Amino acid sequence: MTFPDAPRASTPTGAESALSPGDSARYDERFASRASGIVSSAMRDLMSLSERPEIISLAGGFPNTESFQRATFDEITEIMARDHLASSLQYGPTEGLAELRELIVEVMAVEGLSAHVDDVMVTSGGQQAIDLSIRTFVDPGDVVLAEGPTYPGAVPCFTTYEADVVHIPMDEDGLQVDLVEEALDRLAAEGRAPKLLYTIPNFHNPGGVTMSLERRRRLVDIAQRRELLIIEDNPYGQIRFEGEPLPSLWELDGGSGWVVYLSTFSKILAPGVRVGWVAAPAPVLRKMNLGKQAADLCSGTVTQRFIIEYLSRYDWQDHVARLNDIYRGRRDAMLRALDEEFPADARWTRPSGGLFVWAELPEAVDTRDLLAQAIAREVAFVPGAAAFLNGQGRNAMRLNFSGVPEATISEGVRRLGEAVHDAVELHRALGLGGGSE
């Protein structure tokens, strides 16, 4: 059977195919109300800079992936192709492959966390774990407590679900837990109760500090007494350079159900696998499972299988130890460079693990403006304001030391130091204040 030729629609080319700026108005009344309040992730905005070879990026939290052995990668992919090809290419259960969840329980046990396979759900990276946590609990206008600064990648989650974020300050011992109780009292007097508290107790991103044991115990006590749900985000717990591990909030809670635990393989294996997990009470996991079904049905089975085969055949702790040796040297290189290149009245954290240093400059310096001057010198960082939702952090910056070699870190901080000194001098010349050398 033949059909008559249908008339072909003309395909616009070149400029004819592009929408003009005015055409965007057609979508304005169709966007969901929450879309207008969504803010982008500062790291994502700066990611394109990492593809420019002339830019030294101290912005993205890139783990070192060059240390992963190619022979190991080849062996695992060969095993997957030989023994698990069909299943690796098929859909999997929303909660994740059972073999992987059993191995996650073993990984958690290395940090002293007790969990059962039924407590665990696999996610598409740690970022999805955060998103599901906020989505599951937060309605528009609900109060969420978070450290100030908080993880810049969590900011889009807070804004997407229209949370009212109340920042709790940190110091060298992490979250100031006494101020958590003050905030709870103040909010109670206003007739508002927080839905949850989001915290990164180990090697905070971006703060670079760790919550003390005394504060951990007090925070869990507050949660249990005042029925405050805690979201414990722990992607960096294994990235330790010195000191002894502290018990997690999950463990200190003792199974009473007031802590939801998040982590990821991005920092201890590779971020490209995009596999994280949630450990939570059964009622919470059931709701998160429904949310994940709506988002992606299931995490990628290829990467889940890759991790299963790796963890089953290789000493992942030895790999992490090698990473930590690399990161320790890079941290030290950054701290030395900051001591040499930054003004005397600047200050910064000295992390004992993790991937980040948080630096604060004289109050008159706005690091959002400074970023343009830094990029002109071919170096990048994350402005501190990206880690707040209330306008704080304008004179601060997050610096990553894991993503580039030691010599490159030193050169990057040197260039950044020039930009900082110029900004301080400019503000002093304008009589706006800028600190002293």
Protein backbone atom coordinates (compact mmCIF):
# COMPACT_ATOMS: atom_id res chain seq x y z
CA MET A 1 0.00 0.00 0.00
CA THR A 2 1.30 3.45 -0.83
CA PHE A 3 0.41 6.76 0.69
CA PRO A 4 0.42 10.15 -0.98
CA ASP A 5 3.27 12.38 -0.01
CA ALA A 6 2.34 14.68 2.86
CA PRO A 7 3.34 18.30 2.62
CA ARG A 8 6.52 18.94 4.51
CA ALA A 9 6.60 21.64 7.16
CA SER A 10 9.35 24.10 6.69
CA THR A 11 12.10 23.90 9.30
CA PRO A 12 13.41 27.27 10.40
CA THR A 13 17.16 27.56 10.37
CA GLY A 14 19.66 29.93 11.88
CA ALA A 15 18.15 32.95 13.58
CA GLU A 16 14.63 31.91 12.52
CA SER A 17 14.73 28.91 14.90
CA ALA A 18 15.61 30.89 18.00
CA LEU A 19 13.04 32.30 20.39
CA SER A 20 13.40 35.97 21.07
CA PRO A 21 13.67 37.24 24.66
CA GLY A 22 10.10 38.47 24.43
CA ASP A 23 8.85 34.97 23.66
CA SER A 24 9.65 33.88 27.21
CA ALA A 25 6.55 35.73 28.40
CA ARG A 26 4.39 32.93 27.00
CA TYR A 27 5.62 30.67 29.81
CA ASP A 28 5.41 33.09 32.71
CA GLU A 29 1.84 32.36 33.69
CA ARG A 30 2.39 28.64 33.22
CA PHE A 31 5.34 28.24 35.57
CA ALA A 32 4.52 26.75 38.97
CA SER A 33 4.63 29.36 41.72
CA ARG A 34 7.55 27.57 43.37
CA ALA A 35 9.62 27.89 40.18
CA SER A 36 9.95 31.63 40.66
CA GLY A 37 11.76 31.15 43.97
CA ILE A 38 14.21 28.46 42.87
CA VAL A 39 17.83 29.56 42.94
CA SER A 40 20.65 27.85 41.13
CA SER A 41 23.54 26.07 42.79
CA ALA A 42 26.60 28.29 42.87
CA MET A 43 28.80 25.26 42.18
CA ARG A 44 26.79 24.39 39.08
CA ASP A 45 27.07 27.97 37.85
CA LEU A 46 30.85 27.79 38.19
CA MET A 47 31.19 24.27 36.81
CA SER A 48 31.78 25.47 33.25
CA LEU A 49 34.95 27.17 34.46
CA SER A 50 36.44 23.77 35.23
CA GLU A 51 36.43 23.04 31.50
CA ARG A 52 38.61 26.06 30.77
CA PRO A 53 42.20 24.85 31.14
CA GLU A 54 43.53 28.30 32.00
CA ILE A 55 41.24 28.60 35.05
CA ILE A 56 42.44 27.26 38.39
CA SER A 57 39.18 26.20 40.01
CA LEU A 58 39.09 26.22 43.79
CA ALA A 59 35.30 26.27 43.50
CA GLY A 60 33.94 22.81 42.77
CA GLY A 61 34.17 20.04 45.33
CA PHE A 62 35.90 17.68 42.92
CA PRO A 63 37.26 14.49 44.51
CA ASN A 64 40.44 13.06 43.05
CA THR A 65 39.45 10.40 40.50
CA GLU A 66 42.86 10.02 38.87
CA SER A 67 43.94 7.72 41.70
CA PHE A 68 41.35 5.09 40.70
CA GLN A 69 43.32 2.33 38.99
CA ARG A 70 42.45 1.76 35.32
CA ALA A 71 43.17 -1.95 35.66
CA THR A 72 40.58 -2.13 38.42
CA PHE A 73 38.03 -0.29 36.30
CA ASP A 74 38.68 -2.60 33.34
CA GLU A 75 38.38 -5.74 35.46
CA ILE A 76 35.09 -4.67 37.01
CA THR A 77 33.51 -3.69 33.72
CA GLU A 78 34.66 -6.99 32.19
CA ILE A 79 33.02 -8.90 35.05
CA MET A 80 29.83 -6.89 34.62
CA ALA A 81 29.76 -7.56 30.87
CA ARG A 82 30.43 -11.27 31.36
CA ASP A 83 28.25 -12.09 34.37
CA HIS A 84 25.67 -9.32 34.83
CA LEU A 85 25.08 -7.66 31.48
CA ALA A 86 21.33 -8.17 31.18
CA SER A 87 20.53 -7.34 34.81
CA SER A 88 22.83 -4.30 34.78
CA LEU A 89 20.91 -2.88 31.82
CA GLN A 90 17.49 -3.54 33.35
CA TYR A 91 15.31 -1.54 35.74
CA GLY A 92 15.93 -2.23 39.41
CA PRO A 93 13.89 -1.83 42.59
CA THR A 94 13.32 1.75 43.70
CA GLU A 95 15.00 1.12 47.04
CA GLY A 96 18.13 -0.17 45.31
CA LEU A 97 19.69 -3.56 44.67
CA ALA A 98 19.61 -5.73 47.80
CA GLU A 99 23.28 -6.72 47.39
CA LEU A 100 24.31 -3.07 47.41
CA ARG A 101 22.17 -2.21 50.42
CA GLU A 102 23.80 -5.07 52.35
CA LEU A 103 27.22 -3.69 51.45
CA ILE A 104 26.15 -0.17 52.47
CA VAL A 105 25.31 -1.52 55.91
CA GLU A 106 28.88 -2.84 56.09
CA VAL A 107 30.30 0.51 54.97
CA MET A 108 28.27 2.26 57.67
CA ALA A 109 29.55 -0.20 60.26
CA VAL A 110 33.13 0.92 59.55
CA GLU A 111 32.12 4.34 60.94
CA GLY A 112 30.40 2.73 63.90
CA LEU A 113 26.83 3.02 62.60
CA SER A 114 24.44 0.15 63.21
CA ALA A 115 21.80 -0.32 60.51
CA HIS A 116 19.76 -3.08 58.88
CA VAL A 117 19.40 -3.56 55.15
CA ASP A 118 15.73 -2.60 55.47
CA ASP A 119 16.78 0.78 56.91
CA VAL A 120 18.57 1.71 53.67
CA MET A 121 17.44 3.14 50.34
CA VAL A 122 19.84 3.81 47.46
CA THR A 123 19.63 7.26 45.84
CA SER A 124 21.01 8.92 42.72
CA GLY A 125 23.91 10.53 44.54
CA GLY A 126 23.90 12.34 47.85
CA GLN A 127 22.13 15.28 46.23
CA GLN A 128 18.98 13.24 45.64
CA ALA A 129 19.11 12.08 49.25
CA ILE A 130 18.99 15.71 50.37
CA ASP A 131 16.22 16.56 47.90
CA LEU A 132 14.08 13.61 49.01
CA SER A 133 14.58 14.53 52.67
CA ILE A 134 13.33 18.07 52.14
CA ARG A 135 10.57 17.06 49.71
CA THR A 136 9.22 14.41 52.06
CA PHE A 137 8.81 16.72 55.06
CA VAL A 138 8.62 20.35 54.00
CA ASP A 139 5.53 22.25 52.87
CA PRO A 140 5.76 25.83 51.59
CA GLY A 141 6.51 28.13 54.50
CA ASP A 142 7.67 25.40 56.87
CA VAL A 143 10.63 26.29 59.06
CA VAL A 144 13.89 24.40 58.54
CA LEU A 145 16.91 24.90 60.78
CA ALA A 146 20.31 24.74 59.10
CA GLU A 147 23.84 25.71 59.94
CA GLY A 148 25.00 29.09 58.77
CA PRO A 149 26.72 28.64 56.39
CA THR A 150 25.02 25.57 54.94
CA TYR A 151 25.87 23.31 52.02
CA PRO A 152 25.39 25.43 48.87
CA GLY A 153 23.95 22.42 47.05
CA ALA A 154 21.15 22.18 49.63
CA VAL A 155 20.09 25.78 48.98
CA PRO A 156 18.21 24.94 45.74
CA CYS A 157 16.38 22.16 47.61
CA PHE A 158 15.29 24.60 50.32
CA THR A 159 14.12 27.15 47.78
CA THR A 160 12.42 24.60 45.51
CA TYR A 161 10.20 23.40 48.34
CA GLU A 162 9.78 26.95 49.69
CA ALA A 163 11.26 26.33 53.12
CA ASP A 164 11.71 29.18 55.60
CA VAL A 165 15.33 28.53 56.57
CA VAL A 166 16.59 29.76 59.94
CA HIS A 167 20.38 29.66 60.11
CA ILE A 168 22.13 28.62 63.32
CA PRO A 169 25.73 29.92 63.60
CA MET A 170 28.79 27.70 63.85
CA ASP A 171 32.19 28.09 65.48
CA GLU A 172 35.31 25.94 65.58
CA ASP A 173 33.32 23.17 67.33
CA GLY A 174 30.59 23.12 64.70
CA LEU A 175 26.92 23.92 65.17
CA GLN A 176 26.29 26.07 68.23
CA VAL A 177 23.74 23.75 69.79
CA ASP A 178 22.82 26.13 72.59
CA LEU A 179 21.53 28.49 69.88
CA VAL A 180 19.40 25.66 68.47
CA GLU A 181 17.45 25.54 71.71
CA GLU A 182 17.16 29.33 71.75
CA ALA A 183 15.78 29.23 68.21
CA LEU A 184 13.27 26.55 69.18
CA ASP A 185 12.06 28.68 72.09
CA ARG A 186 11.80 31.78 69.92
CA LEU A 187 9.90 29.94 67.19
CA ALA A 188 7.59 28.32 69.73
CA ALA A 189 6.71 31.78 71.05
CA GLU A 190 5.79 32.71 67.48
CA GLY A 191 3.62 29.62 67.14
CA ARG A 192 5.98 27.93 64.69
CA ALA A 193 7.75 24.60 65.00
CA PRO A 194 10.59 23.55 62.67
CA LYS A 195 9.96 20.53 60.51
CA LEU A 196 13.60 19.48 60.74
CA LEU A 197 17.22 20.46 61.26
CA TYR A 198 19.71 19.82 58.46
CA THR A 199 23.32 19.40 59.57
CA ILE A 200 26.72 18.21 58.30
CA PRO A 201 28.51 17.28 61.53
CA ASN A 202 31.76 15.95 60.02
CA PHE A 203 34.15 18.26 58.12
CA HIS A 204 31.38 20.64 57.23
CA ASN A 205 30.80 21.83 53.67
CA PRO A 206 31.55 24.70 53.39
CA GLY A 207 32.57 25.47 56.97
CA GLY A 208 35.40 22.94 57.29
CA VAL A 209 34.66 22.35 61.00
CA THR A 210 33.46 19.31 62.94
CA MET A 211 30.76 19.17 65.61
CA SER A 212 32.21 18.25 69.01
CA LEU A 213 31.10 15.14 70.88
CA GLU A 214 29.53 17.20 73.67
CA ARG A 215 27.43 19.12 71.15
CA ARG A 216 26.40 15.94 69.33
CA ARG A 217 25.10 14.45 72.53
CA ARG A 218 23.27 17.62 73.46
CA LEU A 219 21.74 17.95 69.99
CA VAL A 220 20.38 14.41 70.09
CA ASP A 221 19.03 15.05 73.58
CA ILE A 222 17.25 18.17 72.30
CA ALA A 223 15.84 16.22 69.35
CA GLN A 224 14.45 13.51 71.59
CA ARG A 225 13.05 15.87 74.23
CA ARG A 226 11.56 18.38 71.80
CA GLU A 227 10.72 16.04 68.93
CA LEU A 228 13.05 17.70 66.43
CA LEU A 229 13.81 15.62 63.35
CA ILE A 230 17.50 15.73 62.35
CA ILE A 231 18.77 15.19 58.81
CA GLU A 232 22.40 14.11 59.28
CA ASP A 233 24.34 14.54 56.03
CA ASN A 234 27.67 12.70 56.23
CA PRO A 235 29.45 12.55 52.86
CA TYR A 236 32.89 13.35 54.32
CA GLY A 237 33.14 11.19 57.44
CA GLN A 238 35.75 8.87 55.90
CA ILE A 239 37.85 11.78 54.57
CA ARG A 240 39.85 12.22 57.78
CA PHE A 241 43.45 13.47 58.04
CA GLU A 242 43.92 13.37 61.79
CA GLY A 243 42.03 12.78 65.02
CA GLU A 244 39.65 10.03 66.03
CA PRO A 245 36.15 9.53 64.56
CA LEU A 246 33.24 10.77 66.66
CA PRO A 247 29.95 8.88 66.99
CA SER A 248 27.30 9.84 64.47
CA LEU A 249 24.03 11.45 65.45
CA TRP A 250 22.31 8.34 64.04
CA GLU A 251 24.20 6.15 66.49
CA LEU A 252 23.74 8.49 69.44
CA ASP A 253 19.99 8.54 68.75
CA GLY A 254 19.98 4.82 69.52
CA GLY A 255 17.14 3.94 67.17
CA SER A 256 14.59 6.30 68.69
CA GLY A 257 13.77 7.53 65.19
CA TRP A 258 14.71 11.23 65.33
CA VAL A 259 17.66 11.02 62.92
CA VAL A 260 17.66 10.43 59.17
CA TYR A 261 21.15 9.62 57.87
CA LEU A 262 22.47 10.51 54.40
CA SER A 263 25.73 9.59 52.70
CA THR A 264 27.26 8.89 49.29
CA PHE A 265 29.96 7.03 47.39
CA SER A 266 30.94 10.24 45.62
CA LYS A 267 33.73 11.09 48.07
CA ILE A 268 35.03 7.61 48.92
CA LEU A 269 34.82 6.10 45.42
CA ALA A 270 33.88 8.47 42.58
CA PRO A 271 31.17 11.10 42.03
CA GLY A 272 30.51 9.91 38.49
CA VAL A 273 28.79 6.76 39.74
CA ARG A 274 26.01 8.97 41.20
CA VAL A 275 25.11 6.59 44.02
CA GLY A 276 24.23 7.68 47.54
CA TRP A 277 21.92 6.41 50.22
CA VAL A 278 19.46 7.21 52.99
CA ALA A 279 19.10 5.33 56.27
CA ALA A 280 15.84 6.12 58.01
CA PRO A 281 12.94 4.69 60.01
CA ALA A 282 10.58 2.54 57.95
CA PRO A 283 7.71 5.09 57.73
CA VAL A 284 10.12 7.70 56.39
CA LEU A 285 11.67 5.32 53.84
CA ARG A 286 8.21 4.39 52.54
CA LYS A 287 7.42 8.03 51.79
CA MET A 288 10.86 8.67 50.30
CA ASN A 289 10.44 5.59 48.12
CA LEU A 290 7.25 7.09 46.65
CA GLY A 291 9.05 10.37 46.03
CA LYS A 292 11.92 8.59 44.31
CA GLN A 293 9.52 6.62 42.12
CA ALA A 294 8.16 9.92 40.86
CA ALA A 295 11.66 11.32 40.28
CA ASP A 296 13.54 8.51 38.52
CA LEU A 297 11.89 5.13 39.24
CA CYS A 298 15.25 3.75 40.40
CA SER A 299 18.92 4.61 40.58
CA GLY A 300 21.11 3.41 37.72
CA THR A 301 21.64 -0.34 37.91
CA VAL A 302 24.89 -0.17 35.93
CA THR A 303 26.57 2.00 38.54
CA GLN A 304 25.01 0.07 41.43
CA ARG A 305 26.47 -3.12 39.99
CA PHE A 306 29.84 -1.43 39.52
CA ILE A 307 29.96 -0.53 43.21
CA ILE A 308 28.83 -4.02 44.24
CA GLU A 309 31.62 -5.65 42.26
CA TYR A 310 34.20 -3.13 43.50
CA LEU A 311 33.29 -3.44 47.18
CA SER A 312 33.17 -7.23 46.89
CA ARG A 313 36.64 -7.55 45.34
CA TYR A 314 38.77 -4.66 46.52
CA ASP A 315 39.79 -2.99 49.77
CA TRP A 316 37.85 0.27 49.53
CA GLN A 317 39.33 1.46 52.83
CA ASP A 318 42.80 1.21 51.33
CA HIS A 319 41.59 3.35 48.42
CA VAL A 320 40.20 5.93 50.86
CA ALA A 321 43.51 5.91 52.77
CA ARG A 322 45.36 6.73 49.54
CA LEU A 323 42.89 9.53 48.82
CA ASN A 324 43.36 10.93 52.30
CA ASP A 325 47.14 11.03 51.84
CA ILE A 326 46.60 13.07 48.67
CA TYR A 327 44.05 15.38 50.27
CA ARG A 328 46.17 15.92 53.38
CA GLY A 329 49.00 17.24 51.26
CA ARG A 330 46.65 19.47 49.29
CA ARG A 331 45.03 20.84 52.44
CA ASP A 332 48.46 21.65 53.84
CA ALA A 333 49.44 23.37 50.58
CA MET A 334 46.31 25.53 50.74
CA LEU A 335 46.82 26.49 54.38
CA ARG A 336 50.47 27.42 53.74
CA ALA A 337 49.46 29.52 50.75
CA LEU A 338 46.70 31.28 52.69
CA ASP A 339 49.18 32.10 55.46
CA GLU A 340 51.52 33.61 52.88
CA GLU A 341 49.13 35.35 50.50
CA PHE A 342 46.05 36.56 52.40
CA PRO A 343 45.80 39.72 54.54
CA ALA A 344 46.62 39.42 58.23
CA ASP A 345 43.05 40.26 59.24
CA ALA A 346 41.51 37.55 57.06
CA ARG A 347 40.74 34.30 58.84
CA TRP A 348 39.99 30.76 57.74
CA THR A 349 39.25 27.31 59.09
CA ARG A 350 41.89 24.59 59.38
CA PRO A 351 39.95 21.40 58.68
CA SER A 352 41.07 18.01 59.96
CA GLY A 353 39.27 16.29 57.07
CA GLY A 354 36.86 16.85 54.22
CA LEU A 355 37.47 18.93 51.11
CA PHE A 356 36.98 22.59 52.02
CA VAL A 357 38.34 25.66 53.74
CA TRP A 358 36.01 28.52 54.69
CA ALA A 359 37.69 31.92 54.58
CA GLU A 360 36.38 35.27 55.80
CA LEU A 361 37.77 38.59 54.56
CA PRO A 362 37.42 42.10 55.99
CA GLU A 363 33.74 43.09 56.20
CA ALA A 364 33.96 45.67 53.41
CA VAL A 365 34.93 43.09 50.79
CA ASP A 366 32.01 41.51 48.93
CA THR A 367 33.24 38.22 47.50
CA ARG A 368 30.54 38.23 44.82
CA ASP A 369 32.27 41.28 43.35
CA LEU A 370 35.67 39.78 44.10
CA LEU A 371 34.84 36.71 42.02
CA ALA A 372 34.94 38.71 38.78
CA GLN A 373 38.38 40.03 39.70
CA ALA A 374 39.54 36.53 40.56
CA ILE A 375 38.31 35.07 37.28
CA ALA A 376 40.16 37.86 35.46
CA ARG A 377 43.25 36.39 37.16
CA GLU A 378 42.12 32.91 36.07
CA VAL A 379 41.17 31.52 39.47
CA ALA A 380 37.70 30.72 40.84
CA PHE A 381 36.02 30.12 44.21
CA VAL A 382 32.47 29.93 45.60
CA PRO A 383 31.26 33.21 47.18
CA GLY A 384 30.09 32.78 50.76
CA ALA A 385 26.64 34.26 50.12
CA ALA A 386 25.79 31.08 48.17
CA ALA A 387 25.80 29.18 51.48
CA PHE A 388 23.12 31.34 53.12
CA LEU A 389 19.50 32.15 52.42
CA ASN A 390 19.38 35.35 54.46
CA GLY A 391 22.03 37.52 52.81
CA GLN A 392 24.90 36.62 55.13
CA GLY A 393 28.32 35.49 54.01
CA ARG A 394 29.06 38.39 51.67
CA ASN A 395 32.67 38.70 52.86
CA ALA A 396 33.34 34.94 52.87
CA MET A 397 34.37 32.28 50.38
CA ARG A 398 34.54 28.51 50.07
CA LEU A 399 37.84 27.12 48.82
CA ASN A 400 38.26 23.53 47.63
CA PHE A 401 41.63 21.81 47.94
CA SER A 402 40.84 18.31 46.64
CA GLY A 403 40.45 18.98 42.95
CA VAL A 404 43.88 20.23 41.83
CA PRO A 405 47.53 19.40 42.65
CA GLU A 406 49.48 21.10 45.42
CA ALA A 407 51.52 23.37 43.14
CA THR A 408 48.36 24.48 41.36
CA ILE A 409 46.66 25.22 44.69
CA SER A 410 49.60 27.41 45.70
CA GLU A 411 49.45 29.33 42.43
CA GLY A 412 45.67 29.66 42.64
CA VAL A 413 45.80 31.09 46.15
CA ARG A 414 48.60 33.44 45.07
CA ARG A 415 46.41 34.83 42.28
CA LEU A 416 43.42 35.01 44.61
CA GLY A 417 45.54 36.77 47.23
CA GLU A 418 46.39 39.47 44.69
CA ALA A 419 42.70 40.03 44.02
CA VAL A 420 41.95 40.17 47.74
CA HIS A 421 44.73 42.68 48.45
CA ASP A 422 43.55 44.87 45.55
CA ALA A 423 39.98 44.80 46.88
CA VAL A 424 41.12 45.71 50.38
CA GLU A 425 43.26 48.58 49.06
CA LEU A 426 40.40 49.87 46.92
CA HIS A 427 38.00 49.95 49.86
CA ARG A 428 40.59 51.64 52.03
CA ALA A 429 41.21 54.28 49.34
CA LEU A 430 37.48 54.93 49.09
CA GLY A 431 37.22 55.27 52.84
CA LEU A 432 34.95 52.25 53.08
CA GLY A 433 37.16 50.31 55.44
CA GLY A 434 39.07 47.26 54.47
CA GLY A 435 41.08 46.15 57.40
CA SER A 436 44.80 46.33 57.88
CA GLU A 437 47.67 44.38 56.54
